[in-house]
Amino acid sequence: MDASLKFVVKQWVGAVATTLVLVICVAFLSIPYSLGGHPGEARVPDANSEWHMS
C-alpha cells in the first residue's frame, strides 16, 4: 500500500471513528434526559402527568 494511501485511509478511519463516538455520546446522554430516565427503569408516576387538556 502506498504511503499516501495509508495516510488518507488513516485520516478517514479517524474521522469516522470520531463521528461515531460523538453520536453515541449524544444519544446516550440525550435519550435518557428526554425520557426522564433510562429505558427499562421503573418510573415514579408524576402528579402533573395525570391531567390533559381536552
Protein backbone atom coordinates (compact mmCIF):
# COMPACT_ATOMS: atom_id res chain seq x y z
CA MET A 1 0.00 0.00 0.00
CA ASP A 2 1.30 3.41 -0.93
CA ALA A 3 2.29 5.76 1.93
CA SER A 4 -0.12 8.48 0.80
CA LEU A 5 -2.98 5.95 0.60
CA LYS A 6 -2.21 4.77 4.15
CA PHE A 7 -2.32 8.39 5.30
CA VAL A 8 -5.70 9.01 3.63
CA VAL A 9 -7.19 5.78 5.00
CA LYS A 10 -5.89 6.56 8.49
CA GLN A 11 -7.43 10.06 8.36
CA TRP A 12 -10.74 8.70 7.04
CA VAL A 13 -10.97 5.99 9.72
CA GLY A 14 -10.12 8.56 12.39
CA ALA A 15 -12.84 10.93 11.19
CA VAL A 16 -15.44 8.15 11.04
CA ALA A 17 -14.50 6.85 14.50
CA THR A 18 -14.61 10.35 16.00
CA THR A 19 -18.03 10.99 14.46
CA LEU A 20 -19.40 7.68 15.75
CA VAL A 21 -18.10 8.36 19.26
CA LEU A 22 -19.73 11.79 19.29
CA VAL A 23 -23.06 10.44 18.00
CA ILE A 24 -23.07 7.61 20.55
CA CYS A 25 -22.24 10.00 23.41
CA VAL A 26 -25.02 12.40 22.42
CA ALA A 27 -27.52 9.55 22.06
CA PHE A 28 -26.69 8.00 25.43
CA LEU A 29 -26.89 11.37 27.16
CA SER A 30 -29.88 12.95 25.44
CA ILE A 31 -32.28 9.99 25.20
CA PRO A 32 -32.39 9.26 28.95
CA TYR A 33 -32.63 13.00 29.65
CA SER A 34 -35.62 13.43 27.35
CA LEU A 35 -37.32 10.29 28.69
CA GLY A 36 -36.72 11.26 32.31
CA GLY A 37 -34.68 8.11 33.00
CA HIS A 38 -33.07 5.17 31.30
CA PRO A 39 -35.32 2.97 29.16
CA GLY A 40 -36.49 -0.02 31.16
CA GLU A 41 -36.24 1.64 34.57
CA ALA A 42 -39.30 1.78 36.76
CA ARG A 43 -40.70 5.30 36.86
CA VAL A 44 -42.47 7.04 39.68
CA PRO A 45 -45.77 8.43 38.38
CA ASP A 46 -45.64 12.19 38.05
CA ALA A 47 -48.51 14.04 39.73
CA ASN A 48 -48.68 16.52 36.85
CA SER A 49 -48.96 13.86 34.16
CA GLU A 50 -52.43 12.67 35.18
CA TRP A 51 -54.31 15.52 33.52
CA HIS A 52 -54.53 16.55 29.94
CA MET A 53 -56.08 19.42 28.08
CA SER A 54 -59.03 18.05 26.16
